[in-house]
Every structure is written in structure tokens, then in C-alpha cells.
Amino acid sequence: MSFFSCSGGSLCHDDFWRPACRQDGHAARSGPSRCTQVDFQCGCSLCPRPDIAFHFNPRFHTTKPHVICNTLHGGRWQREARWPHLALRRGSSFLILFLFGNEEVKVSVNGQHFLHFRYRLPLSHVDTLGIFGDILVEAVGFLNINPFVEGSREYPAGHPFLLMSPRLEVPCSHALPQGLSPGQVIIVRGLVLQEPKHFTVSLRDQAAHAPVTLRASFADRTLAWISRWGQKKLISAPFLFYPQRFFEVLLLFQEGGLKLALNGQGLGATSMNQQALEQLRELRISGSVQLYCVHS
């Protein structure tokens, strides 16, 4: 049994939740696994049992694996919905994506759309994720749709989370062999540590100079752009980093500079010479974070 607090509070439309897991057929002594469930809950108490806005329940004990979805309200289960032809097997790894829209949640399994379920309780009431059953959870992330992609409502690109990867040890260096070009997006996803001090994302050229650095300071809860000469330009926005919470930083490169989004919220732009952008060769990340994904 595992509980996770939803990132930043309750779920919102266009939030995207992804666990990378495998069904463990050897965990239960009483026999092979019968089912697993993922519950998006309105609270985390054990007694009384909280409402469950979306109950996702893969079942493996029949000859034809299937999924049951339902809602628990006031201690009573509502009418269940069943989806057959579940392409999962005990003992194998899988990736499930949950995409929350205005009226329904969509679910994909291993990159293929599987089902959609219309909400029966307000999504804003959901603040806890519960995972139950014989399952080994390898990664959980609360992410957002790329705010720079207008009108898109399909599943985001599923760049893999890498747990305990040497390539993502902090400080982390990520090569940019071709520099950066307009339209290119850098994605940094991770977890803020328990007692954070700072977090920086810097872009460096071949001479190891950093024309621009994004710095989050936890002491005074500020976010700022730092120039090559140390000049600081505060970003006028709420401080969205929290200890032991997941985060997602997106940097969109465009002619004349770059745009920033944090946890799906656009936080403005900063100007930068196009020639300097093209000469960048390294992305460097340091500070009080554990990284799960760096992609450019």
C-alpha cells in the first residue's frame, strides 16, 4: 500500500500522471497476484474510507485480463465500468499514463490509448494517490502538458524516468552537441530534496561560460535569471518548488531568447542573443534535487 500527495495540492485539468511499474507475481505468499488498483482519492484516511474519484483496477485472475473503473462516494461504490483486452501480463514491466481533461480522464497502457472515464466527482477534490496490490512501483510523476503547445490535448511524449541512473547524478551535465535552435524544448524533471538550499539550471558554451542560468533559492523562495556577469533578474511569479515534491522545468528556445514554464505554468521569457544560443554546448544542473529525466 502506498499513498502519494498530488503535486501542488489537488489535481487540475490537463494534469498528467504516470507510474512506471511492473506487476509482481511473486510478492504474495498466498499465491499469484489477483489484482492491482490505482485510486485517485479525496483524502488519505483509512477509517472512514475517503471518496475515490477514479478507481483504476486491472484484474489478472481471469483467463482474460481486464480493467474495472469506478467511483466510491459516501462509502458506496457506483456503477462499475469494465474494459476487456488488457495487454498486461504478470511479471512484466509496464507504463501507464493518466491524462486528466475537462470532463474525463484518458488512460494509455504502454503507449496505446486504452480507455476514457467520465468524472463523477469534482476533480478538484482529489489530493491523494493510493496504489495497492502486488506491484513494484519504479517511478511516479505528476506532470503537465507542455504549456507551449497550443490546443494539444493528447498524451504528452513519455520520456522515461530513470531511477538511480549514474547519468542523472547531481551535478548533472547534459551535452548539446548541435547547440540550440528555435522551437527546441529542454525538459528537466525531478524531486526536490527534504531540506533544499538551491537549484540551478545553467546553459554553457564551449568556453564553459554560462550566458544564462535559472536559479531557485529556497532560503528566500525566489526564482531568478542569472546572467554571465552575475546580474540577477527576479522572476515575478509564485515560488512553485516544494520539499519532497516532483517538479517539471520546461525551457522553450525561440528567436531572441527563451520561455520558461514550471509545473505547467508559463513564467515568462528572457532575451538572449541568437548567436549565443547556437553556441551553447552544455546543460548543467546542480542543487538540492534528485533527477529523473533530462531531455532536449
C-alpha atoms as a PDB file:
ATOM      1  CA  MET A   1       0.000   0.000   0.000  1.00  0.00           C
ATOM      2  CA  SER A   2       1.390   3.400  -0.961  1.00  0.00           C
ATOM      3  CA  PHE A   3      -0.004   6.915  -0.704  1.00  0.00           C
ATOM      4  CA  PHE A   4       1.297   9.956  -2.577  1.00  0.00           C
ATOM      5  CA  SER A   5       0.254  13.568  -2.185  1.00  0.00           C
ATOM      6  CA  CYS A   6      -0.751  15.072  -5.506  1.00  0.00           C
ATOM      7  CA  SER A   7       1.766  17.677  -6.706  1.00  0.00           C
ATOM      8  CA  GLY A   8       0.955  21.198  -5.521  1.00  0.00           C
ATOM      9  CA  GLY A   9      -2.394  20.184  -3.956  1.00  0.00           C
ATOM     10  CA  SER A  10      -5.419  18.918  -5.861  1.00  0.00           C
ATOM     11  CA  LEU A  11      -5.456  17.662  -9.429  1.00  0.00           C
ATOM     12  CA  CYS A  12      -6.263  20.082 -12.233  1.00  0.00           C
ATOM     13  CA  HIS A  13      -7.469  19.662 -15.778  1.00  0.00           C
ATOM     14  CA  ASP A  14      -4.635  18.685 -18.127  1.00  0.00           C
ATOM     15  CA  ASP A  15      -2.555  17.217 -15.317  1.00  0.00           C
ATOM     16  CA  PHE A  16      -0.706  14.129 -16.406  1.00  0.00           C
ATOM     17  CA  TRP A  17       0.210  11.316 -14.019  1.00  0.00           C
ATOM     18  CA  ARG A  18       2.499   8.466 -14.925  1.00  0.00           C
ATOM     19  CA  PRO A  19       3.708   5.490 -12.918  1.00  0.00           C
ATOM     20  CA  ALA A  20       6.310   3.175 -14.409  1.00  0.00           C
ATOM     21  CA  CYS A  21       5.745  -0.177 -12.752  1.00  0.00           C
ATOM     22  CA  ARG A  22       5.802  -3.911 -13.082  1.00  0.00           C
ATOM     23  CA  GLN A  23       3.240  -6.399 -11.854  1.00  0.00           C
ATOM     24  CA  ASP A  24       4.996  -8.588  -9.282  1.00  0.00           C
ATOM     25  CA  GLY A  25       3.681 -12.127  -9.481  1.00  0.00           C
ATOM     26  CA  HIS A  26       5.966 -13.361  -6.698  1.00  0.00           C
ATOM     27  CA  ALA A  27       5.209 -10.896  -3.908  1.00  0.00           C
ATOM     28  CA  ALA A  28       2.225 -12.527  -2.229  1.00  0.00           C
ATOM     29  CA  ARG A  29       2.885 -15.714  -0.256  1.00  0.00           C
ATOM     30  CA  SER A  30      -0.750 -16.791  -0.548  1.00  0.00           C
ATOM     31  CA  GLY A  31      -0.453 -17.164  -4.296  1.00  0.00           C
ATOM     32  CA  PRO A  32      -0.001 -15.202  -7.505  1.00  0.00           C
ATOM     33  CA  SER A  33      -1.292 -11.642  -7.737  1.00  0.00           C
ATOM     34  CA  ARG A  34      -5.039 -11.305  -8.334  1.00  0.00           C
ATOM     35  CA  CYS A  35      -5.338  -7.567  -8.910  1.00  0.00           C
ATOM     36  CA  THR A  36      -3.786  -4.158  -8.525  1.00  0.00           C
ATOM     37  CA  GLN A  37      -5.546  -0.833  -8.055  1.00  0.00           C
ATOM     38  CA  VAL A  38      -4.720   2.821  -8.507  1.00  0.00           C
ATOM     39  CA  ASP A  39      -7.036   5.225  -6.667  1.00  0.00           C
ATOM     40  CA  PHE A  40      -7.256   8.989  -7.095  1.00  0.00           C
ATOM     41  CA  GLN A  41      -8.680   9.805  -3.675  1.00  0.00           C
ATOM     42  CA  CYS A  42     -10.330  12.715  -1.868  1.00  0.00           C
ATOM     43  CA  GLY A  43      -8.228  12.322   1.269  1.00  0.00           C
ATOM     44  CA  CYS A  44      -5.899   9.707   2.737  1.00  0.00           C
ATOM     45  CA  SER A  45      -7.662   8.405   5.858  1.00  0.00           C
ATOM     46  CA  LEU A  46      -8.105   4.663   6.400  1.00  0.00           C
ATOM     47  CA  CYS A  47     -11.250   4.948   8.514  1.00  0.00           C
ATOM     48  CA  PRO A  48     -13.599   6.319   7.386  1.00  0.00           C
ATOM     49  CA  ARG A  49     -12.614   5.433   3.849  1.00  0.00           C
ATOM     50  CA  PRO A  50     -12.281   8.537   1.662  1.00  0.00           C
ATOM     51  CA  ASP A  51     -14.173   9.109  -1.555  1.00  0.00           C
ATOM     52  CA  ILE A  52     -12.408   7.827  -4.662  1.00  0.00           C
ATOM     53  CA  ALA A  53     -12.986   9.944  -7.749  1.00  0.00           C
ATOM     54  CA  PHE A  54     -11.293   7.465 -10.087  1.00  0.00           C
ATOM     55  CA  HIS A  55     -10.620   3.823  -9.253  1.00  0.00           C
ATOM     56  CA  PHE A  56      -8.441   2.012 -11.834  1.00  0.00           C
ATOM     57  CA  ASN A  57      -8.368  -1.733 -11.151  1.00  0.00           C
ATOM     58  CA  PRO A  58      -6.542  -4.135 -13.530  1.00  0.00           C
ATOM     59  CA  ARG A  59      -7.547  -7.740 -12.830  1.00  0.00           C
ATOM     60  CA  PHE A  60      -5.334 -10.668 -13.749  1.00  0.00           C
ATOM     61  CA  HIS A  61      -7.045 -13.635 -12.056  1.00  0.00           C
ATOM     62  CA  THR A  62      -9.246 -14.478 -15.050  1.00  0.00           C
ATOM     63  CA  THR A  63      -8.217 -16.028 -18.354  1.00  0.00           C
ATOM     64  CA  LYS A  64      -8.851 -12.660 -19.998  1.00  0.00           C
ATOM     65  CA  PRO A  65      -7.214  -9.774 -18.059  1.00  0.00           C
ATOM     66  CA  HIS A  66      -9.414  -6.681 -17.930  1.00  0.00           C
ATOM     67  CA  VAL A  67      -9.814  -3.347 -16.099  1.00  0.00           C
ATOM     68  CA  ILE A  68     -12.608  -2.200 -13.802  1.00  0.00           C
ATOM     69  CA  CYS A  69     -13.115   1.556 -13.263  1.00  0.00           C
ATOM     70  CA  ASN A  70     -15.443   3.047 -10.685  1.00  0.00           C
ATOM     71  CA  THR A  71     -16.139   5.814  -8.167  1.00  0.00           C
ATOM     72  CA  LEU A  72     -16.579   5.467  -4.402  1.00  0.00           C
ATOM     73  CA  HIS A  73     -18.838   8.138  -2.891  1.00  0.00           C
ATOM     74  CA  GLY A  74     -20.105   8.210   0.686  1.00  0.00           C
ATOM     75  CA  GLY A  75     -18.827   4.685   1.286  1.00  0.00           C
ATOM     76  CA  ARG A  76     -20.763   3.241  -1.656  1.00  0.00           C
ATOM     77  CA  TRP A  77     -19.393   2.090  -4.990  1.00  0.00           C
ATOM     78  CA  GLN A  78     -21.150   3.472  -8.053  1.00  0.00           C
ATOM     79  CA  ARG A  79     -21.893   1.583 -11.250  1.00  0.00           C
ATOM     80  CA  GLU A  80     -18.671  -0.030 -12.436  1.00  0.00           C
ATOM     81  CA  ALA A  81     -17.336   0.147 -15.977  1.00  0.00           C
ATOM     82  CA  ARG A  82     -15.378  -2.727 -17.498  1.00  0.00           C
ATOM     83  CA  TRP A  83     -12.768  -2.676 -20.280  1.00  0.00           C
ATOM     84  CA  PRO A  84     -11.597  -6.021 -21.744  1.00  0.00           C
ATOM     85  CA  HIS A  85      -8.442  -6.887 -23.711  1.00  0.00           C
ATOM     86  CA  LEU A  86      -5.887  -5.578 -21.200  1.00  0.00           C
ATOM     87  CA  ALA A  87      -2.448  -6.063 -22.771  1.00  0.00           C
ATOM     88  CA  LEU A  88      -0.588  -6.657 -19.482  1.00  0.00           C
ATOM     89  CA  ARG A  89       0.905  -9.818 -18.028  1.00  0.00           C
ATOM     90  CA  ARG A  90       2.081 -10.638 -14.517  1.00  0.00           C
ATOM     91  CA  GLY A  91       5.820 -10.230 -14.051  1.00  0.00           C
ATOM     92  CA  SER A  92       6.281  -7.800 -16.953  1.00  0.00           C
ATOM     93  CA  SER A  93       7.070  -4.082 -16.849  1.00  0.00           C
ATOM     94  CA  PHE A  94       4.516  -1.535 -17.995  1.00  0.00           C
ATOM     95  CA  LEU A  95       3.910   2.184 -18.269  1.00  0.00           C
ATOM     96  CA  ILE A  96       0.515   3.713 -17.532  1.00  0.00           C
ATOM     97  CA  LEU A  97      -0.320   7.337 -18.349  1.00  0.00           C
ATOM     98  CA  PHE A  98      -3.337   9.181 -16.905  1.00  0.00           C
ATOM     99  CA  LEU A  99      -4.333  12.369 -18.721  1.00  0.00           C
ATOM    100  CA  PHE A 100      -6.941  14.487 -16.932  1.00  0.00           C
ATOM    101  CA  GLY A 101      -9.186  16.576 -19.177  1.00  0.00           C
ATOM    102  CA  ASN A 102     -12.142  18.865 -18.511  1.00  0.00           C
ATOM    103  CA  GLU A 103     -14.739  16.108 -18.236  1.00  0.00           C
ATOM    104  CA  GLU A 104     -12.901  12.792 -18.348  1.00  0.00           C
ATOM    105  CA  VAL A 105      -9.623  11.012 -17.716  1.00  0.00           C
ATOM    106  CA  LYS A 106      -7.877   9.149 -20.521  1.00  0.00           C
ATOM    107  CA  VAL A 107      -5.612   6.189 -19.812  1.00  0.00           C
ATOM    108  CA  SER A 108      -2.925   4.735 -22.040  1.00  0.00           C
ATOM    109  CA  VAL A 109      -1.067   1.478 -21.415  1.00  0.00           C
ATOM    110  CA  ASN A 110       2.414   1.018 -22.884  1.00  0.00           C
ATOM    111  CA  GLY A 111       1.928   3.924 -25.258  1.00  0.00           C
ATOM    112  CA  GLN A 112      -1.519   2.914 -26.572  1.00  0.00           C
ATOM    113  CA  HIS A 113      -4.816   4.571 -25.633  1.00  0.00           C
ATOM    114  CA  PHE A 114      -6.867   2.084 -23.599  1.00  0.00           C
ATOM    115  CA  LEU A 115      -9.884   3.797 -22.027  1.00  0.00           C
ATOM    116  CA  HIS A 116     -11.571   7.024 -21.024  1.00  0.00           C
ATOM    117  CA  PHE A 117     -13.695   7.532 -17.901  1.00  0.00           C
ATOM    118  CA  ARG A 118     -16.066  10.438 -17.269  1.00  0.00           C
ATOM    119  CA  TYR A 119     -15.756  12.110 -13.859  1.00  0.00           C
ATOM    120  CA  ARG A 120     -18.464  11.532 -11.271  1.00  0.00           C
ATOM    121  CA  LEU A 121     -16.865  13.644  -8.529  1.00  0.00           C
ATOM    122  CA  PRO A 122     -15.151  17.051  -8.888  1.00  0.00           C
ATOM    123  CA  LEU A 123     -11.528  16.644  -9.881  1.00  0.00           C
ATOM    124  CA  SER A 124     -10.568  19.489  -7.532  1.00  0.00           C
ATOM    125  CA  HIS A 125     -11.388  17.259  -4.537  1.00  0.00           C
ATOM    126  CA  VAL A 126      -8.613  14.781  -5.402  1.00  0.00           C
ATOM    127  CA  ASP A 127      -5.493  15.281  -3.281  1.00  0.00           C
ATOM    128  CA  THR A 128      -4.125  11.752  -2.717  1.00  0.00           C
ATOM    129  CA  LEU A 129      -2.961   8.900  -4.908  1.00  0.00           C
ATOM    130  CA  GLY A 130      -3.228   5.382  -3.495  1.00  0.00           C
ATOM    131  CA  ILE A 131      -1.525   2.332  -5.048  1.00  0.00           C
ATOM    132  CA  PHE A 132      -2.432  -1.122  -3.737  1.00  0.00           C
ATOM    133  CA  GLY A 133      -1.736  -4.759  -4.579  1.00  0.00           C
ATOM    134  CA  ASP A 134       1.256  -6.869  -5.576  1.00  0.00           C
ATOM    135  CA  ILE A 135       3.084  -4.281  -7.592  1.00  0.00           C
ATOM    136  CA  LEU A 136       6.576  -2.814  -7.620  1.00  0.00           C
ATOM    137  CA  VAL A 137       6.426   0.925  -8.319  1.00  0.00           C
ATOM    138  CA  GLU A 138       9.557   2.103 -10.089  1.00  0.00           C
ATOM    139  CA  ALA A 139       8.560   5.737 -10.657  1.00  0.00           C
ATOM    140  CA  VAL A 140       5.655   8.098 -10.068  1.00  0.00           C
ATOM    141  CA  GLY A 141       5.421  11.560 -11.581  1.00  0.00           C
ATOM    142  CA  PHE A 142       2.842  14.348 -11.600  1.00  0.00           C
ATOM    143  CA  LEU A 143       3.499  16.251 -14.805  1.00  0.00           C
ATOM    144  CA  ASN A 144       1.716  18.739 -17.028  1.00  0.00           C
ATOM    145  CA  ILE A 145       1.005  19.190 -20.691  1.00  0.00           C
ATOM    146  CA  ASN A 146       3.659  21.294 -22.418  1.00  0.00           C
ATOM    147  CA  PRO A 147       2.201  24.805 -21.979  1.00  0.00           C
ATOM    148  CA  PHE A 148       3.924  25.924 -25.180  1.00  0.00           C
ATOM    149  CA  VAL A 149       1.860  23.546 -27.352  1.00  0.00           C
ATOM    150  CA  GLU A 150      -1.412  25.338 -28.042  1.00  0.00           C
ATOM    151  CA  GLY A 151      -4.541  23.268 -28.473  1.00  0.00           C
ATOM    152  CA  SER A 152      -2.900  19.924 -27.767  1.00  0.00           C
ATOM    153  CA  ARG A 153      -4.926  17.505 -25.635  1.00  0.00           C
ATOM    154  CA  GLU A 154      -3.315  14.175 -26.487  1.00  0.00           C
ATOM    155  CA  TYR A 155      -0.851  12.216 -24.396  1.00  0.00           C
ATOM    156  CA  PRO A 156       2.468  14.008 -23.832  1.00  0.00           C
ATOM    157  CA  ALA A 157       5.679  12.425 -25.031  1.00  0.00           C
ATOM    158  CA  GLY A 158       6.597   9.789 -22.464  1.00  0.00           C
ATOM    159  CA  HIS A 159      10.265  10.489 -21.889  1.00  0.00           C
ATOM    160  CA  PRO A 160      11.321   7.771 -19.444  1.00  0.00           C
ATOM    161  CA  PHE A 161      12.039   8.350 -15.794  1.00  0.00           C
ATOM    162  CA  LEU A 162      15.448   6.928 -14.890  1.00  0.00           C
ATOM    163  CA  LEU A 163      15.792   5.878 -11.264  1.00  0.00           C
ATOM    164  CA  MET A 164      19.269   5.922  -9.712  1.00  0.00           C
ATOM    165  CA  SER A 165      20.893   6.399 -13.116  1.00  0.00           C
ATOM    166  CA  PRO A 166      24.557   7.470 -12.991  1.00  0.00           C
ATOM    167  CA  ARG A 167      23.812   9.776 -15.936  1.00  0.00           C
ATOM    168  CA  LEU A 168      21.464  11.801 -13.723  1.00  0.00           C
ATOM    169  CA  GLU A 169      23.608  12.182 -10.625  1.00  0.00           C
ATOM    170  CA  VAL A 170      23.717  15.797  -9.427  1.00  0.00           C
ATOM    171  CA  PRO A 171      25.593  17.850 -10.512  1.00  0.00           C
ATOM    172  CA  CYS A 172      24.468  16.616 -13.912  1.00  0.00           C
ATOM    173  CA  SER A 173      25.941  17.574 -17.275  1.00  0.00           C
ATOM    174  CA  HIS A 174      23.963  17.049 -20.493  1.00  0.00           C
ATOM    175  CA  ALA A 175      25.674  17.654 -23.842  1.00  0.00           C
ATOM    176  CA  LEU A 176      24.152  19.886 -26.529  1.00  0.00           C
ATOM    177  CA  PRO A 177      26.384  18.910 -29.481  1.00  0.00           C
ATOM    178  CA  GLN A 178      24.393  20.921 -32.056  1.00  0.00           C
ATOM    179  CA  GLY A 179      23.627  23.898 -29.865  1.00  0.00           C
ATOM    180  CA  LEU A 180      20.009  25.055 -29.650  1.00  0.00           C
ATOM    181  CA  SER A 181      17.577  26.048 -32.372  1.00  0.00           C
ATOM    182  CA  PRO A 182      14.174  27.833 -32.342  1.00  0.00           C
ATOM    183  CA  GLY A 183      11.367  25.537 -31.241  1.00  0.00           C
ATOM    184  CA  GLN A 184      13.598  23.213 -29.259  1.00  0.00           C
ATOM    185  CA  VAL A 185      12.440  22.371 -25.712  1.00  0.00           C
ATOM    186  CA  ILE A 186      14.586  21.275 -22.785  1.00  0.00           C
ATOM    187  CA  ILE A 187      12.791  19.184 -20.150  1.00  0.00           C
ATOM    188  CA  VAL A 188      14.083  18.703 -16.598  1.00  0.00           C
ATOM    189  CA  ARG A 189      12.038  16.580 -14.193  1.00  0.00           C
ATOM    190  CA  GLY A 190      12.903  15.530 -10.684  1.00  0.00           C
ATOM    191  CA  LEU A 191      12.198  15.623  -6.976  1.00  0.00           C
ATOM    192  CA  VAL A 192      13.151  18.372  -4.514  1.00  0.00           C
ATOM    193  CA  LEU A 193      15.079  17.001  -1.520  1.00  0.00           C
ATOM    194  CA  GLN A 194      13.964  17.188   2.114  1.00  0.00           C
ATOM    195  CA  GLU A 195      15.962  20.278   3.183  1.00  0.00           C
ATOM    196  CA  PRO A 196      16.714  22.126  -0.073  1.00  0.00           C
ATOM    197  CA  LYS A 197      19.040  25.100  -0.376  1.00  0.00           C
ATOM    198  CA  HIS A 198      19.143  25.947  -4.075  1.00  0.00           C
ATOM    199  CA  PHE A 199      18.594  24.552  -7.554  1.00  0.00           C
ATOM    200  CA  THR A 200      20.217  25.795 -10.764  1.00  0.00           C
ATOM    201  CA  VAL A 201      19.852  25.056 -14.459  1.00  0.00           C
ATOM    202  CA  SER A 202      22.641  26.674 -16.474  1.00  0.00           C
ATOM    203  CA  LEU A 203      23.450  26.721 -20.182  1.00  0.00           C
ATOM    204  CA  ARG A 204      27.137  26.857 -21.090  1.00  0.00           C
ATOM    205  CA  ASP A 205      29.126  27.490 -24.240  1.00  0.00           C
ATOM    206  CA  GLN A 206      32.329  25.814 -25.420  1.00  0.00           C
ATOM    207  CA  ALA A 207      34.412  28.083 -23.173  1.00  0.00           C
ATOM    208  CA  ALA A 208      32.369  26.922 -20.137  1.00  0.00           C
ATOM    209  CA  HIS A 209      30.789  30.365 -19.810  1.00  0.00           C
ATOM    210  CA  ALA A 210      27.126  30.385 -18.749  1.00  0.00           C
ATOM    211  CA  PRO A 211      25.273  33.123 -20.676  1.00  0.00           C
ATOM    212  CA  VAL A 212      22.113  32.329 -18.727  1.00  0.00           C
ATOM    213  CA  THR A 213      21.267  30.420 -15.535  1.00  0.00           C
ATOM    214  CA  LEU A 214      17.933  29.731 -13.898  1.00  0.00           C
ATOM    215  CA  ARG A 215      18.327  29.724 -10.109  1.00  0.00           C
ATOM    216  CA  ALA A 216      15.799  28.797  -7.426  1.00  0.00           C
ATOM    217  CA  SER A 217      16.745  29.894  -3.901  1.00  0.00           C
ATOM    218  CA  PHE A 218      14.846  28.132  -1.128  1.00  0.00           C
ATOM    219  CA  ALA A 219      16.118  30.457   1.620  1.00  0.00           C
ATOM    220  CA  ASP A 220      14.179  33.460   0.317  1.00  0.00           C
ATOM    221  CA  ARG A 221      11.864  31.497  -2.054  1.00  0.00           C
ATOM    222  CA  THR A 222      12.879  33.386  -5.179  1.00  0.00           C
ATOM    223  CA  LEU A 223      13.327  32.374  -8.791  1.00  0.00           C
ATOM    224  CA  ALA A 224      15.707  34.380 -10.972  1.00  0.00           C
ATOM    225  CA  TRP A 225      17.671  34.538 -14.207  1.00  0.00           C
ATOM    226  CA  ILE A 226      21.404  34.972 -13.647  1.00  0.00           C
ATOM    227  CA  SER A 227      23.488  36.464 -16.468  1.00  0.00           C
ATOM    228  CA  ARG A 228      27.042  35.558 -17.401  1.00  0.00           C
ATOM    229  CA  TRP A 229      28.268  38.520 -15.355  1.00  0.00           C
ATOM    230  CA  GLY A 230      26.250  37.606 -12.259  1.00  0.00           C
ATOM    231  CA  GLN A 231      23.434  40.071 -12.786  1.00  0.00           C
ATOM    232  CA  LYS A 232      20.162  38.837 -11.268  1.00  0.00           C
ATOM    233  CA  LYS A 233      16.695  39.361 -12.745  1.00  0.00           C
ATOM    234  CA  LEU A 234      13.941  38.136 -10.436  1.00  0.00           C
ATOM    235  CA  ILE A 235      11.032  36.264 -11.993  1.00  0.00           C
ATOM    236  CA  SER A 236       7.782  37.730 -10.721  1.00  0.00           C
ATOM    237  CA  ALA A 237       5.808  34.532 -10.097  1.00  0.00           C
ATOM    238  CA  PRO A 238       4.796  32.252  -7.220  1.00  0.00           C
ATOM    239  CA  PHE A 239       7.595  30.013  -5.984  1.00  0.00           C
ATOM    240  CA  LEU A 240       6.484  26.558  -7.127  1.00  0.00           C
ATOM    241  CA  PHE A 241       9.211  24.319  -5.684  1.00  0.00           C
ATOM    242  CA  TYR A 242       8.363  22.324  -2.554  1.00  0.00           C
ATOM    243  CA  PRO A 243      10.432  19.859  -0.477  1.00  0.00           C
ATOM    244  CA  GLN A 244       9.796  16.229  -1.431  1.00  0.00           C
ATOM    245  CA  ARG A 245       7.591  17.227  -4.355  1.00  0.00           C
ATOM    246  CA  PHE A 246       8.074  16.483  -8.032  1.00  0.00           C
ATOM    247  CA  PHE A 247       8.792  19.346 -10.412  1.00  0.00           C
ATOM    248  CA  GLU A 248       8.993  19.908 -14.147  1.00  0.00           C
ATOM    249  CA  VAL A 249      11.022  22.691 -15.780  1.00  0.00           C
ATOM    250  CA  LEU A 250      10.492  23.431 -19.481  1.00  0.00           C
ATOM    251  CA  LEU A 251      12.665  25.819 -21.474  1.00  0.00           C
ATOM    252  CA  LEU A 252      11.432  26.691 -24.959  1.00  0.00           C
ATOM    253  CA  PHE A 253      14.020  28.260 -27.256  1.00  0.00           C
ATOM    254  CA  GLN A 254      12.826  30.850 -29.710  1.00  0.00           C
ATOM    255  CA  GLU A 255      14.479  33.576 -31.749  1.00  0.00           C
ATOM    256  CA  GLY A 256      15.723  36.232 -29.363  1.00  0.00           C
ATOM    257  CA  GLY A 257      15.581  34.212 -26.162  1.00  0.00           C
ATOM    258  CA  LEU A 258      13.775  31.504 -24.263  1.00  0.00           C
ATOM    259  CA  LYS A 259      10.490  30.941 -22.450  1.00  0.00           C
ATOM    260  CA  LEU A 260      10.136  29.229 -19.075  1.00  0.00           C
ATOM    261  CA  ALA A 261       7.382  27.021 -17.661  1.00  0.00           C
ATOM    262  CA  LEU A 262       7.403  25.387 -14.240  1.00  0.00           C
ATOM    263  CA  ASN A 263       4.931  22.625 -13.378  1.00  0.00           C
ATOM    264  CA  GLY A 264       2.906  23.506 -16.441  1.00  0.00           C
ATOM    265  CA  GLN A 265       2.664  27.240 -15.712  1.00  0.00           C
ATOM    266  CA  GLY A 266       4.257  29.706 -18.078  1.00  0.00           C
ATOM    267  CA  LEU A 267       6.525  32.120 -16.194  1.00  0.00           C
ATOM    268  CA  GLY A 268       7.545  34.494 -18.950  1.00  0.00           C
ATOM    269  CA  ALA A 269      10.644  34.811 -21.085  1.00  0.00           C
ATOM    270  CA  THR A 270      14.163  36.193 -21.090  1.00  0.00           C
ATOM    271  CA  SER A 271      16.038  37.678 -24.040  1.00  0.00           C
ATOM    272  CA  MET A 272      19.204  36.131 -25.384  1.00  0.00           C
ATOM    273  CA  ASN A 273      21.328  36.679 -28.469  1.00  0.00           C
ATOM    274  CA  GLN A 274      20.567  34.136 -31.204  1.00  0.00           C
ATOM    275  CA  GLN A 275      24.255  33.591 -31.889  1.00  0.00           C
ATOM    276  CA  ALA A 276      24.820  32.838 -28.197  1.00  0.00           C
ATOM    277  CA  LEU A 277      22.001  30.267 -28.311  1.00  0.00           C
ATOM    278  CA  GLU A 278      23.603  28.498 -31.242  1.00  0.00           C
ATOM    279  CA  GLN A 279      26.938  28.323 -29.422  1.00  0.00           C
ATOM    280  CA  LEU A 280      25.583  26.594 -26.329  1.00  0.00           C
ATOM    281  CA  ARG A 281      27.017  23.110 -25.852  1.00  0.00           C
ATOM    282  CA  GLU A 282      26.146  22.015 -22.305  1.00  0.00           C
ATOM    283  CA  LEU A 283      23.173  21.896 -19.966  1.00  0.00           C
ATOM    284  CA  ARG A 284      24.313  21.718 -16.332  1.00  0.00           C
ATOM    285  CA  ILE A 285      22.033  21.045 -13.371  1.00  0.00           C
ATOM    286  CA  SER A 286      23.007  21.283  -9.710  1.00  0.00           C
ATOM    287  CA  GLY A 287      21.469  21.728  -6.291  1.00  0.00           C
ATOM    288  CA  SER A 288      19.153  20.038  -3.826  1.00  0.00           C
ATOM    289  CA  VAL A 289      17.268  17.806  -6.233  1.00  0.00           C
ATOM    290  CA  GLN A 290      17.093  14.209  -7.412  1.00  0.00           C
ATOM    291  CA  LEU A 291      16.732  13.997 -11.198  1.00  0.00           C
ATOM    292  CA  TYR A 292      14.530  11.537 -13.068  1.00  0.00           C
ATOM    293  CA  CYS A 293      14.517  12.892 -16.603  1.00  0.00           C
ATOM    294  CA  VAL A 294      16.627  15.325 -18.643  1.00  0.00           C
ATOM    295  CA  HIS A 295      15.682  15.644 -22.303  1.00  0.00           C
ATOM    296  CA  SER A 296      16.492  18.099 -25.076  1.00  0.00           C
END
